[in-house]
C-alpha cells in the first residue's frame, strides 16, 4: 500500500522550458507549424546534468524509497520582456515543450510511490494567475489543492511531525556577498509571524527563483530550522547579462528528508562555468 507521506521530497524549479537556454530534451520538439526545434550545445550539456540528477542522484539519496516531487515554479519560460531567446511564442508549443521535458521526472516520482505537487512561479513567465503553469500541472497529474487547482502559490507538506513549506519567490541581489541576506530575512520573518499569531513554524522553508543554491540553518525548539533556495535549470539570459556583475547560474535540485533523528536538506549542484568562454 502506498504510504501517505513518503520521507523524501525532491524539489526542482526554474526549468524555464521554451527558453533557448532552458531545459530541453535532446531529441528536441515538434512545433505547430510543422518544423522542429533542436537543442543547442549548452542545452545538451544541461540535459546531461539533469539526466544524472534524475537517474543517479535521486535514487541514491532517497535510498530506493518513495519520494514526492515538488516543481517549485517557473517550469515554463513563456513570452516575456520582449525576449528573443524563446523557442516559440505559440502557447501550445510552449505547453508541449514543458510537458514533454518534465513528464519523465514526474513519472519517475509516481513510479517510486510518491506524489507530484506544483507551485506557481512568476506571472511574466507562466501567465496571469500562472494559468499556463496550472494547465501544465493538470496535464502532468499534480495533486490538486482544496479548491481543485492543480498548482498553487504556497504549499505545505508534512514529513512526520514537521512542516515543509514551499513558495517560489525570494529576494535577491547582484552581489554574491549578500546572497545569504534574503535567506536570514525570510527565516526571521517566518518566526515573527508565527509568534504573533500562534501558528506552527515550518521546519524547512523552500524557495527558488534566484537560480543559485543557498541554505541557512538555525537551531531552535524542534532542532534545525532550515531555509533553502533551490538552483535552477536555465543559463544566463540577456536580461541577466545587463547586470554589472552577473552571477553564474547554478543547476540542480534539493532533497528534504526525514532521517532517523531529524529532518534535513541536502543538494546536488552543477556548474557549466562561463558560457562565453571560447577556450
Protein backbone atom coordinates (compact mmCIF):
# COMPACT_ATOMS: atom_id res chain seq x y z
CA UNK A 1 0.00 0.00 0.00
CA UNK A 2 1.31 3.44 -0.92
CA UNK A 3 2.47 5.37 2.19
CA UNK A 4 0.53 8.55 2.85
CA UNK A 5 3.64 10.63 3.48
CA UNK A 6 6.97 9.48 1.99
CA UNK A 7 10.02 10.51 3.99
CA UNK A 8 11.67 12.10 0.93
CA UNK A 9 10.80 15.23 -1.06
CA UNK A 10 12.72 16.11 -4.23
CA UNK A 11 12.47 19.76 -5.33
CA UNK A 12 13.33 21.15 -8.74
CA UNK A 13 12.48 24.58 -10.09
CA UNK A 14 13.12 27.18 -12.77
CA UNK A 15 13.38 24.76 -15.68
CA UNK A 16 12.18 27.59 -17.98
CA UNK A 17 11.10 25.19 -20.70
CA UNK A 18 10.65 27.04 -24.01
CA UNK A 19 13.76 29.12 -23.36
CA UNK A 20 16.61 28.54 -25.79
CA UNK A 21 18.87 28.42 -22.72
CA UNK A 22 16.44 26.44 -20.55
CA UNK A 23 15.92 22.73 -20.04
CA UNK A 24 15.22 20.86 -23.29
CA UNK A 25 15.23 17.15 -24.10
CA UNK A 26 17.97 16.09 -26.54
CA UNK A 27 15.63 14.98 -29.34
CA UNK A 28 14.12 18.46 -29.47
CA UNK A 29 10.49 19.31 -30.05
CA UNK A 30 7.96 19.40 -32.85
CA UNK A 31 6.42 22.81 -33.45
CA UNK A 32 2.91 23.78 -34.50
CA UNK A 33 3.99 24.93 -37.97
CA UNK A 34 5.41 21.50 -38.77
CA UNK A 35 9.00 22.49 -38.07
CA UNK A 36 11.18 21.34 -35.21
CA UNK A 37 13.46 22.80 -32.56
CA UNK A 38 16.83 21.18 -31.87
CA UNK A 39 18.66 21.96 -28.61
CA UNK A 40 21.93 23.87 -28.54
CA UNK A 41 25.25 22.52 -27.29
CA UNK A 42 24.59 24.26 -23.97
CA UNK A 43 21.14 22.68 -23.68
CA UNK A 44 22.55 19.22 -24.43
CA UNK A 45 25.07 19.70 -21.62
CA UNK A 46 22.28 20.89 -19.33
CA UNK A 47 20.21 17.80 -20.15
CA UNK A 48 23.21 15.61 -19.35
CA UNK A 49 23.29 17.07 -15.84
CA UNK A 50 19.52 16.71 -15.48
CA UNK A 51 19.75 13.05 -16.54
CA UNK A 52 22.50 12.45 -13.97
CA UNK A 53 20.39 14.16 -11.32
CA UNK A 54 17.33 12.02 -12.07
CA UNK A 55 18.94 8.65 -12.75
CA UNK A 56 21.87 8.70 -10.33
CA UNK A 57 21.48 11.25 -7.54
CA UNK A 58 17.77 10.95 -6.77
CA UNK A 59 17.71 7.13 -6.37
CA UNK A 60 20.84 7.26 -4.23
CA UNK A 61 19.73 9.95 -1.76
CA UNK A 62 16.17 8.62 -1.46
CA UNK A 63 17.67 5.16 -0.77
CA UNK A 64 15.25 3.43 -3.08
CA UNK A 65 12.23 4.62 -1.14
CA UNK A 66 9.21 6.58 -2.35
CA UNK A 67 9.58 10.31 -2.84
CA UNK A 68 7.31 13.23 -3.50
CA UNK A 69 8.22 15.70 -6.23
CA UNK A 70 7.68 19.46 -5.94
CA UNK A 71 8.21 21.57 -9.06
CA UNK A 72 8.67 24.92 -7.37
CA UNK A 73 7.69 27.36 -10.08
CA UNK A 74 8.75 28.79 -13.45
CA UNK A 75 8.51 25.48 -15.26
CA UNK A 76 7.76 27.44 -18.46
CA UNK A 77 9.70 30.46 -19.71
CA UNK A 78 6.79 31.99 -21.59
CA UNK A 79 6.89 35.06 -23.83
CA UNK A 80 8.26 37.82 -21.61
CA UNK A 81 10.12 41.13 -21.64
CA UNK A 82 10.32 41.05 -25.48
CA UNK A 83 12.99 38.37 -25.20
CA UNK A 84 14.27 36.76 -28.41
CA UNK A 85 15.58 33.70 -26.54
CA UNK A 86 12.45 31.56 -26.69
CA UNK A 87 11.64 28.55 -28.84
CA UNK A 88 8.12 29.64 -29.77
CA UNK A 89 5.54 32.30 -28.94
CA UNK A 90 2.76 29.81 -29.65
CA UNK A 91 1.21 28.82 -26.31
CA UNK A 92 0.51 25.29 -27.49
CA UNK A 93 4.17 24.85 -28.44
CA UNK A 94 5.22 26.17 -25.04
CA UNK A 95 2.90 23.74 -23.28
CA UNK A 96 4.12 20.75 -25.28
CA UNK A 97 7.79 21.59 -24.72
CA UNK A 98 7.30 21.78 -20.95
CA UNK A 99 5.05 18.70 -20.80
CA UNK A 100 7.45 16.54 -22.81
CA UNK A 101 10.52 17.79 -20.94
CA UNK A 102 9.14 17.22 -17.43
CA UNK A 103 7.00 14.12 -17.92
CA UNK A 104 9.96 11.82 -17.26
CA UNK A 105 10.76 13.05 -13.75
CA UNK A 106 7.05 13.15 -12.88
CA UNK A 107 6.67 9.52 -13.98
CA UNK A 108 9.79 8.58 -12.01
CA UNK A 109 8.27 10.14 -8.89
CA UNK A 110 4.94 8.35 -9.30
CA UNK A 111 6.65 5.03 -10.08
CA UNK A 112 8.51 5.35 -6.77
CA UNK A 113 5.18 5.54 -4.94
CA UNK A 114 5.23 9.28 -4.38
CA UNK A 115 3.06 12.21 -5.42
CA UNK A 116 3.75 15.27 -7.56
CA UNK A 117 2.94 18.84 -6.49
CA UNK A 118 3.30 22.07 -8.44
CA UNK A 119 3.97 25.56 -7.05
CA UNK A 120 3.28 28.62 -9.20
CA UNK A 121 6.11 30.85 -10.35
CA UNK A 122 6.37 34.32 -11.87
CA UNK A 123 3.45 35.67 -13.91
CA UNK A 124 5.81 37.16 -16.50
CA UNK A 125 6.84 33.61 -17.36
CA UNK A 126 3.76 31.50 -16.65
CA UNK A 127 0.92 33.89 -17.46
CA UNK A 128 -1.62 35.86 -15.41
CA UNK A 129 -2.58 33.88 -12.32
CA UNK A 130 0.03 31.35 -13.52
CA UNK A 131 -2.56 30.00 -15.95
CA UNK A 132 -0.02 28.25 -18.17
CA UNK A 133 1.59 26.56 -15.19
CA UNK A 134 -1.85 25.46 -13.99
CA UNK A 135 -2.50 23.92 -17.40
CA UNK A 136 0.82 22.08 -17.29
CA UNK A 137 0.31 20.83 -13.72
CA UNK A 138 -3.11 19.41 -14.60
CA UNK A 139 -1.74 17.64 -17.68
CA UNK A 140 1.12 16.08 -15.69
CA UNK A 141 -1.20 14.93 -12.90
CA UNK A 142 -0.28 17.16 -9.98
CA UNK A 143 -2.11 16.69 -6.67
CA UNK A 144 -4.88 19.34 -6.59
CA UNK A 145 -5.40 21.70 -3.67
CA UNK A 146 -8.64 22.09 -1.70
CA UNK A 147 -10.14 24.33 -4.37
CA UNK A 148 -9.39 21.86 -7.15
CA UNK A 149 -6.47 23.79 -8.65
CA UNK A 150 -3.53 21.69 -9.77
CA UNK A 151 -0.96 24.37 -8.94
CA UNK A 152 -0.80 26.78 -6.03
CA UNK A 153 1.10 29.83 -4.79
CA UNK A 154 2.01 28.17 -1.49
CA UNK A 155 2.35 24.56 -0.42
CA UNK A 156 2.81 22.95 2.99
CA UNK A 157 3.60 19.25 3.34
CA UNK A 158 4.19 17.10 6.41
CA UNK A 159 7.27 14.95 6.94
CA UNK A 160 6.49 13.10 10.15
CA UNK A 161 5.61 15.82 12.66
CA UNK A 162 7.44 18.50 10.69
CA UNK A 163 6.06 21.07 8.25
CA UNK A 164 7.87 21.74 4.99
CA UNK A 165 6.74 24.95 3.26
CA UNK A 166 7.23 25.88 -0.39
CA UNK A 167 6.98 29.18 -2.27
CA UNK A 168 8.68 30.23 -5.48
CA UNK A 169 9.86 33.74 -4.74
CA UNK A 170 12.62 35.11 -2.55
CA UNK A 171 14.60 38.34 -2.65
CA UNK A 172 17.94 38.52 -4.42
CA UNK A 173 20.76 40.85 -5.31
CA UNK A 174 23.51 41.41 -7.81
CA UNK A 175 26.35 40.64 -5.42
CA UNK A 176 27.18 37.14 -4.21
CA UNK A 177 28.45 38.70 -0.98
CA UNK A 178 24.84 39.26 0.07
CA UNK A 179 23.26 36.02 -1.12
CA UNK A 180 22.60 34.89 2.44
CA UNK A 181 20.78 38.05 3.49
CA UNK A 182 17.48 37.12 1.87
CA UNK A 183 17.56 33.68 3.50
CA UNK A 184 18.00 35.05 7.02
CA UNK A 185 15.34 37.75 6.44
CA UNK A 186 12.90 35.12 5.17
CA UNK A 187 13.51 32.85 8.15
CA UNK A 188 13.16 35.56 10.78
CA UNK A 189 10.03 36.90 9.12
CA UNK A 190 8.53 33.44 9.43
CA UNK A 191 9.48 33.27 13.14
CA UNK A 192 7.94 36.70 13.75
CA UNK A 193 4.63 35.97 12.02
CA UNK A 194 4.29 32.57 13.70
CA UNK A 195 4.95 34.13 17.11
CA UNK A 196 2.46 36.94 16.58
CA UNK A 197 -0.37 34.65 15.56
CA UNK A 198 0.47 31.47 17.43
CA UNK A 199 0.90 29.43 14.28
CA UNK A 200 3.24 26.48 13.79
CA UNK A 201 6.61 27.28 12.22
CA UNK A 202 7.73 25.38 9.16
CA UNK A 203 10.79 23.33 9.96
CA UNK A 204 12.01 23.70 6.38
CA UNK A 205 11.16 26.65 4.12
CA UNK A 206 11.98 26.03 0.43
CA UNK A 207 12.29 28.89 -2.07
CA UNK A 208 13.54 29.21 -5.65
CA UNK A 209 13.62 31.99 -8.30
CA UNK A 210 17.30 33.02 -7.96
CA UNK A 211 18.81 30.14 -9.98
CA UNK A 212 21.52 29.77 -7.32
CA UNK A 213 21.62 27.36 -4.38
CA UNK A 214 21.71 28.60 -0.80
CA UNK A 215 20.92 27.32 2.70
CA UNK A 216 20.65 28.83 6.16
CA UNK A 217 20.14 26.85 9.39
CA UNK A 218 19.31 27.96 12.90
CA UNK A 219 18.73 25.75 15.95
CA UNK A 220 15.51 26.00 17.90
CA UNK A 221 13.00 24.06 19.97
CA UNK A 222 12.42 21.50 17.21
CA UNK A 223 16.04 21.19 16.15
CA UNK A 224 17.26 22.69 12.86
CA UNK A 225 15.12 25.33 11.18
CA UNK A 226 16.20 25.40 7.55
CA UNK A 227 15.67 27.91 4.77
CA UNK A 228 16.89 26.60 1.42
CA UNK A 229 16.90 28.08 -2.09
CA UNK A 230 16.97 25.68 -5.00
CA UNK A 231 19.27 26.03 -8.01
CA UNK A 232 17.57 26.27 -11.41
CA UNK A 233 17.91 24.87 -14.92
CA UNK A 234 18.46 27.93 -17.11
CA UNK A 235 21.60 29.68 -18.33
CA UNK A 236 22.31 33.39 -18.15
CA UNK A 237 19.69 35.37 -20.04
CA UNK A 238 20.25 38.65 -21.92
CA UNK A 239 18.38 40.29 -19.03
CA UNK A 240 20.98 38.89 -16.58
CA UNK A 241 23.90 39.98 -18.72
CA UNK A 242 22.90 43.62 -18.37
CA UNK A 243 23.91 43.48 -14.69
CA UNK A 244 27.36 44.84 -13.88
CA UNK A 245 28.47 41.57 -12.28
CA UNK A 246 26.05 38.80 -13.28
CA UNK A 247 26.29 35.74 -11.08
CA UNK A 248 26.73 32.47 -12.91
CA UNK A 249 23.61 30.29 -12.55
CA UNK A 250 23.79 27.00 -10.70
CA UNK A 251 21.88 23.92 -11.78
CA UNK A 252 20.42 21.05 -9.77
CA UNK A 253 17.87 20.27 -7.09
CA UNK A 254 17.26 19.67 -3.41
CA UNK A 255 16.28 16.73 -1.20
CA UNK A 256 14.32 17.25 2.02
CA UNK A 257 14.42 14.03 4.04
CA UNK A 258 13.12 12.83 7.38
CA UNK A 259 16.01 10.87 8.87
CA UNK A 260 16.10 8.61 11.91
CA UNK A 261 16.76 11.52 14.27
CA UNK A 262 15.98 14.77 12.45
CA UNK A 263 14.81 16.41 9.25
CA UNK A 264 17.47 17.73 6.90
CA UNK A 265 18.05 19.17 3.45
CA UNK A 266 20.85 18.43 1.02
CA UNK A 267 21.53 19.44 -2.55
CA UNK A 268 23.05 18.42 -5.84
CA UNK A 269 24.54 21.43 -7.59
CA UNK A 270 26.17 21.54 -11.02
CA UNK A 271 28.00 24.31 -12.86
CA UNK A 272 28.89 24.69 -16.51
CA UNK A 273 31.06 27.77 -15.98
CA UNK A 274 31.25 30.91 -18.04
CA UNK A 275 29.08 30.35 -21.10
CA UNK A 276 31.04 32.85 -23.21
CA UNK A 277 34.37 31.07 -22.68
CA UNK A 278 35.64 30.09 -26.13
CA UNK A 279 38.76 28.31 -24.89
